[in-house]
Amino acid sequence: MDWYARLQERLTQPLPGPTAHEPLRAAPIGQPMPDFGHRLPPRPGGVLILLYEEDGVVKFPLTKRQEYPGAHSGQISLPGGKAEPGESAVQTALREAEEEIGTVANTLKVLGTLSPFFVIPSNFMVTPVVALSPAVPVFVRNEYEVARILSCTVDALVREDAVREKEILVAGRVRMMAPHFEIEGEVVWGATAMMLNEFRLVLREVL
C-alpha cells in the first residue's frame, strides 16, 4: 500500500508528541495526581506497533497483561518492555515482542519510531517502534506475561469517534476519569492510549 511509504516518510518528520499524548491522560477524581517521587532517571524501554494485513484489513496486536503486584497489572499494552544494556529502542521492541507474542524479529520491516513517552508510575522512558509484517503473524502467547492477545484495526483507531471517556477504578481503590479506546471489549487507557493517540494522529495524515 502506498500509505506505508507515506507513513515511513512521516515518521522522519517532527511528531505531535505531547500534543497528542495529553488529551488521553487519565485524571484522578476528587484527589490530586499522586507524586511517585522517582529518585532515579527513567529506565529506557521500547514497545512495538506491528502492522499486518489480514483479509484486506490492516491490524496490529495489543496484549492484556497477566495479573501481578505492580503498576500495570491486568492492563492492555503494546508488546514491549525494558531495554537490555546496550540495546536501542528498536532492538528492545523487536526482542520483547518476540518473547511476548512470538513474532519473528528478522522478518519485520521497521518503518520508524514515535515520540519517546515517559510512563510515570513505572519510571520508564518508552519509545514506540512502528514495524510492518509481510505476512499475517502466527502469534504465540507467553503465558507467564500475557493473558490475552487482542487485535486492533487501523480503521477503528482513526475513526472520528474512536476516543471515549468514562470513570474507571484503578487498583480497586482509585477513581479516575479515563479517556480511552475500546478494543475487543477492553478499555485501553493510560500510557498505551496516549501513545496510540499519537499514532492515530500520524495515521490520519497519511491515509
Foldseek 3Di string as FASTA:
>chain_A
DVLLVVLLVLQVDDFPPPVLQVVQAKAFPPDHDDDLPDPDAFFEKEFEFEWEDDPNFIKGKWFQWDADPDQQGRAIAGQMDTDDPPDDRLRRRLVRQCQAWNFDSVQKAWSHWHAFDQQPRRRYGYIYTYIYHHHDGDTDGPVNTGPDMFMDTLVLLQDPPQWDWDWDQGPNHTIIIGTFGAGPNHTHGGPRRSVSSSVNVSSVVRD
